[in-house]
C-alpha atoms as a PDB file:
ATOM      1  CA  MET A   1      18.927   5.826   4.397  1.00  0.00           C
ATOM      2  CA  SER A   2      18.926   4.882   8.009  1.00  0.00           C
ATOM      3  CA  GLY A   3      16.689   5.627  10.922  1.00  0.00           C
ATOM      4  CA  ARG A   4      13.068   4.730  11.393  1.00  0.00           C
ATOM      5  CA  VAL A   5      10.186   4.633   8.957  1.00  0.00           C
ATOM      6  CA  LEU A   6       6.525   4.360   9.886  1.00  0.00           C
ATOM      7  CA  LEU A   7       4.391   2.762   7.188  1.00  0.00           C
ATOM      8  CA  ASP A   8       0.863   4.026   6.798  1.00  0.00           C
ATOM      9  CA  THR A   9      -1.854   1.432   6.206  1.00  0.00           C
ATOM     10  CA  HIS A  10      -2.024   1.910   2.436  1.00  0.00           C
ATOM     11  CA  VAL A  11       1.746   1.688   1.980  1.00  0.00           C
ATOM     12  CA  PHE A  12       1.904  -1.434   4.190  1.00  0.00           C
ATOM     13  CA  LEU A  13      -0.792  -3.213   2.166  1.00  0.00           C
ATOM     14  CA  SER A  14       0.552  -2.048  -1.212  1.00  0.00           C
ATOM     15  CA  LEU A  15       4.112  -2.992  -0.320  1.00  0.00           C
ATOM     16  CA  LEU A  16       2.942  -6.565   0.149  1.00  0.00           C
ATOM     17  CA  ALA A  17       0.296  -6.913  -2.570  1.00  0.00           C
ATOM     18  CA  GLU A  18       1.431  -4.489  -5.279  1.00  0.00           C
ATOM     19  CA  PRO A  19       4.971  -3.283  -4.535  1.00  0.00           C
ATOM     20  CA  LYS A  20       5.272  -1.601  -7.944  1.00  0.00           C
ATOM     21  CA  ARG A  21       2.611   0.899  -6.806  1.00  0.00           C
ATOM     22  CA  ILE A  22       5.133   2.188  -4.274  1.00  0.00           C
ATOM     23  CA  PRO A  23       7.629   4.637  -5.818  1.00  0.00           C
ATOM     24  CA  ALA A  24      11.113   3.131  -6.112  1.00  0.00           C
ATOM     25  CA  THR A  25      12.620   5.847  -3.912  1.00  0.00           C
ATOM     26  CA  MET A  26      10.135   5.039  -1.155  1.00  0.00           C
ATOM     27  CA  ARG A  27      10.794   1.295  -1.455  1.00  0.00           C
ATOM     28  CA  ARG A  28      14.531   1.976  -1.123  1.00  0.00           C
ATOM     29  CA  SER A  29      13.906   4.159   1.944  1.00  0.00           C
ATOM     30  CA  ILE A  30      11.862   1.388   3.536  1.00  0.00           C
ATOM     31  CA  GLU A  31      14.404  -1.300   2.684  1.00  0.00           C
ATOM     32  CA  GLY A  32      17.310   0.824   3.936  1.00  0.00           C
ATOM     33  CA  ALA A  33      15.696   1.865   7.217  1.00  0.00           C
ATOM     34  CA  ASP A  34      17.143   0.695  10.516  1.00  0.00           C
ATOM     35  CA  GLU A  35      13.598   0.175  11.804  1.00  0.00           C
ATOM     36  CA  ARG A  36      10.359  -0.450   9.920  1.00  0.00           C
ATOM     37  CA  LEU A  37       7.318   0.356  12.040  1.00  0.00           C
ATOM     38  CA  LEU A  38       3.571  -0.099  11.690  1.00  0.00           C
ATOM     39  CA  SER A  39       1.142   1.570  14.074  1.00  0.00           C
ATOM     40  CA  VAL A  40      -1.421  -0.461  15.937  1.00  0.00           C
ATOM     41  CA  ALA A  41      -3.793   2.196  14.518  1.00  0.00           C
ATOM     42  CA  SER A  42      -3.186   0.608  11.104  1.00  0.00           C
ATOM     43  CA  VAL A  43      -3.959  -2.823  12.525  1.00  0.00           C
ATOM     44  CA  TRP A  44      -7.190  -1.423  13.961  1.00  0.00           C
ATOM     45  CA  GLU A  45      -8.064   0.232  10.632  1.00  0.00           C
ATOM     46  CA  MET A  46      -7.465  -3.043   8.756  1.00  0.00           C
ATOM     47  CA  ALA A  47      -9.588  -4.975  11.275  1.00  0.00           C
ATOM     48  CA  ILE A  48     -12.479  -2.537  10.827  1.00  0.00           C
ATOM     49  CA  LYS A  49     -12.223  -2.661   7.030  1.00  0.00           C
ATOM     50  CA  SER A  50     -12.003  -6.450   7.075  1.00  0.00           C
ATOM     51  CA  SER A  51     -15.055  -6.761   9.333  1.00  0.00           C
ATOM     52  CA  ILE A  52     -17.208  -4.637   6.994  1.00  0.00           C
ATOM     53  CA  GLY A  53     -15.975  -6.341   3.832  1.00  0.00           C
ATOM     54  CA  LYS A  54     -13.797  -3.499   2.490  1.00  0.00           C
ATOM     55  CA  LEU A  55     -10.558  -5.447   2.908  1.00  0.00           C
ATOM     56  CA  ARG A  56      -9.935  -9.067   2.048  1.00  0.00           C
ATOM     57  CA  LEU A  57      -6.890 -10.741   3.526  1.00  0.00           C
ATOM     58  CA  PRO A  58      -5.718 -14.359   3.212  1.00  0.00           C
ATOM     59  CA  MET A  59      -5.857 -14.818   7.006  1.00  0.00           C
ATOM     60  CA  PRO A  60      -7.138 -12.991  10.109  1.00  0.00           C
ATOM     61  CA  VAL A  61      -5.757  -9.454  10.471  1.00  0.00           C
ATOM     62  CA  GLY A  62      -3.626 -10.165  13.548  1.00  0.00           C
ATOM     63  CA  GLU A  63      -1.975 -13.174  11.953  1.00  0.00           C
ATOM     64  CA  PHE A  64      -1.519 -11.295   8.664  1.00  0.00           C
ATOM     65  CA  VAL A  65       0.193  -8.344  10.338  1.00  0.00           C
ATOM     66  CA  ARG A  66       2.458 -10.549  12.473  1.00  0.00           C
ATOM     67  CA  SER A  67       3.631 -12.618   9.509  1.00  0.00           C
ATOM     68  CA  ARG A  68       4.083  -9.665   7.136  1.00  0.00           C
ATOM     69  CA  MET A  69       5.889  -7.473   9.657  1.00  0.00           C
ATOM     70  CA  LYS A  70       8.182 -10.394  10.464  1.00  0.00           C
ATOM     71  CA  ALA A  71       8.904 -10.778   6.733  1.00  0.00           C
ATOM     72  CA  LEU A  72       9.631  -7.033   6.496  1.00  0.00           C
ATOM     73  CA  GLY A  73      11.852  -7.180   9.567  1.00  0.00           C
ATOM     74  CA  GLY A  74       9.629  -4.670  11.303  1.00  0.00           C
ATOM     75  CA  ARG A  75       7.465  -4.318  14.357  1.00  0.00           C
ATOM     76  CA  VAL A  76       4.119  -2.908  15.410  1.00  0.00           C
ATOM     77  CA  ILE A  77       4.159   0.076  17.761  1.00  0.00           C
ATOM     78  CA  ALA A  78       1.487   0.692  20.368  1.00  0.00           C
ATOM     79  CA  ILE A  79      -0.598   3.812  20.794  1.00  0.00           C
ATOM     80  CA  SER A  80       0.431   5.589  23.980  1.00  0.00           C
ATOM     81  CA  ALA A  81      -1.467   8.244  25.904  1.00  0.00           C
ATOM     82  CA  ARG A  82       1.228  10.677  24.712  1.00  0.00           C
ATOM     83  CA  HIS A  83       0.457   9.813  21.075  1.00  0.00           C
ATOM     84  CA  ALA A  84      -3.299  10.134  21.560  1.00  0.00           C
ATOM     85  CA  ALA A  85      -3.027  13.457  23.408  1.00  0.00           C
ATOM     86  CA  ALA A  86      -0.711  14.930  20.754  1.00  0.00           C
ATOM     87  CA  VAL A  87      -3.487  14.677  18.161  1.00  0.00           C
ATOM     88  CA  GLU A  88      -5.164  17.609  19.943  1.00  0.00           C
ATOM     89  CA  ALA A  89      -2.386  19.994  18.862  1.00  0.00           C
ATOM     90  CA  LEU A  90      -2.267  18.769  15.264  1.00  0.00           C
ATOM     91  CA  PRO A  91      -3.797  21.290  12.828  1.00  0.00           C
ATOM     92  CA  LEU A  92      -7.092  20.047  11.411  1.00  0.00           C
ATOM     93  CA  HIS A  93      -5.971  19.799   7.772  1.00  0.00           C
ATOM     94  CA  HIS A  94      -7.143  16.207   7.617  1.00  0.00           C
ATOM     95  CA  ARG A  95     -10.015  14.539   9.450  1.00  0.00           C
ATOM     96  CA  ASP A  96      -9.170  10.835   9.161  1.00  0.00           C
ATOM     97  CA  PRO A  97      -8.530   9.801  12.785  1.00  0.00           C
ATOM     98  CA  PHE A  98      -6.209   6.939  11.824  1.00  0.00           C
ATOM     99  CA  ASP A  99      -4.043   9.202   9.665  1.00  0.00           C
ATOM    100  CA  ARG A 100      -3.952  11.923  12.322  1.00  0.00           C
ATOM    101  CA  LEU A 101      -2.759   9.447  14.933  1.00  0.00           C
ATOM    102  CA  ILE A 102      -0.152   7.975  12.586  1.00  0.00           C
ATOM    103  CA  ILE A 103       1.124  11.493  11.781  1.00  0.00           C
ATOM    104  CA  VAL A 104       1.746  12.310  15.442  1.00  0.00           C
ATOM    105  CA  GLN A 105       3.277   8.892  16.053  1.00  0.00           C
ATOM    106  CA  ALA A 106       5.782   9.540  13.267  1.00  0.00           C
ATOM    107  CA  MET A 107       6.611  12.934  14.759  1.00  0.00           C
ATOM    108  CA  LEU A 108       6.957  11.719  18.339  1.00  0.00           C
ATOM    109  CA  GLU A 109       8.826   8.533  17.441  1.00  0.00           C
ATOM    110  CA  ASP A 110      11.269  10.359  15.154  1.00  0.00           C
ATOM    111  CA  ALA A 111      10.222   8.280  12.160  1.00  0.00           C
ATOM    112  CA  ARG A 112       9.688   9.244   8.537  1.00  0.00           C
ATOM    113  CA  LEU A 113       6.084   8.587   7.587  1.00  0.00           C
ATOM    114  CA  MET A 114       5.830   6.520   4.429  1.00  0.00           C
ATOM    115  CA  THR A 115       2.575   7.566   2.772  1.00  0.00           C
ATOM    116  CA  LEU A 116       1.099   8.037  -0.675  1.00  0.00           C
ATOM    117  CA  ASP A 117      -1.694  10.267   0.626  1.00  0.00           C
ATOM    118  CA  SER A 118      -1.254  13.791  -0.752  1.00  0.00           C
ATOM    119  CA  ALA A 119      -3.866  15.070   1.717  1.00  0.00           C
ATOM    120  CA  LEU A 120      -1.136  14.798   4.348  1.00  0.00           C
ATOM    121  CA  GLU A 121       1.049  17.321   2.491  1.00  0.00           C
ATOM    122  CA  ALA A 122      -0.704  20.106   4.393  1.00  0.00           C
ATOM    123  CA  TYR A 123       1.265  19.106   7.487  1.00  0.00           C
ATOM    124  CA  ARG A 124       4.585  19.751   5.712  1.00  0.00           C
ATOM    125  CA  GLN A 125       6.453  17.728   8.298  1.00  0.00           C
ATOM    126  CA  PRO A 126       9.897  16.314   7.554  1.00  0.00           C
ATOM    127  CA  ALA A 127       8.481  12.956   8.638  1.00  0.00           C
ATOM    128  CA  LEU A 128       6.294  12.789   5.533  1.00  0.00           C
ATOM    129  CA  SER A 129       7.573  11.097   2.433  1.00  0.00           C
ATOM    130  CA  GLY A 130       6.288  10.048  -0.967  1.00  0.00           C
ATOM    131  CA  GLN A 131       2.836  11.620  -1.095  1.00  0.00           C
ATOM    132  CA  ARG A 132       1.182  11.375  -4.453  1.00  0.00           C
ATOM    133  CA  LYS A 133      -2.470  10.302  -4.203  1.00  0.00           C
ATOM    134  CA  LYS A 134      -5.237  12.337  -2.611  1.00  0.00           C
ATOM    135  CA  ARG A 135      -7.903  10.308  -0.830  1.00  0.00           C
ATOM    136  CA  ARG A 136     -11.352  11.702  -0.175  1.00  0.00           C
END
């Protein structure tokens, strides 16, 4: 595979901590991508979870993301006004604001979204890949 992939927060964390939880086909897609991307929305989500004790990392979030994305050969992409505004047109199949933003970023940045969240299947976008687990 070539092209871009956008990792959702769960895939990013699992890829590093428990790579066997990621389906082999998804791991190959990530490894074979020309560009591996992580949204700053994921960084924000991790920072919030870390600050309320729902996520434990070996170092501060910013440092963790920088070192892990460097190891993955990837980069963090910013949230633009275009990304934020596009959320308005996204059908309301899913209410998680981080996921909704990441979905439109994948669409607008021509990236395949790497996710395990089956709740995102409702969007049926070609950018979505590997859904298997429904979060509530």
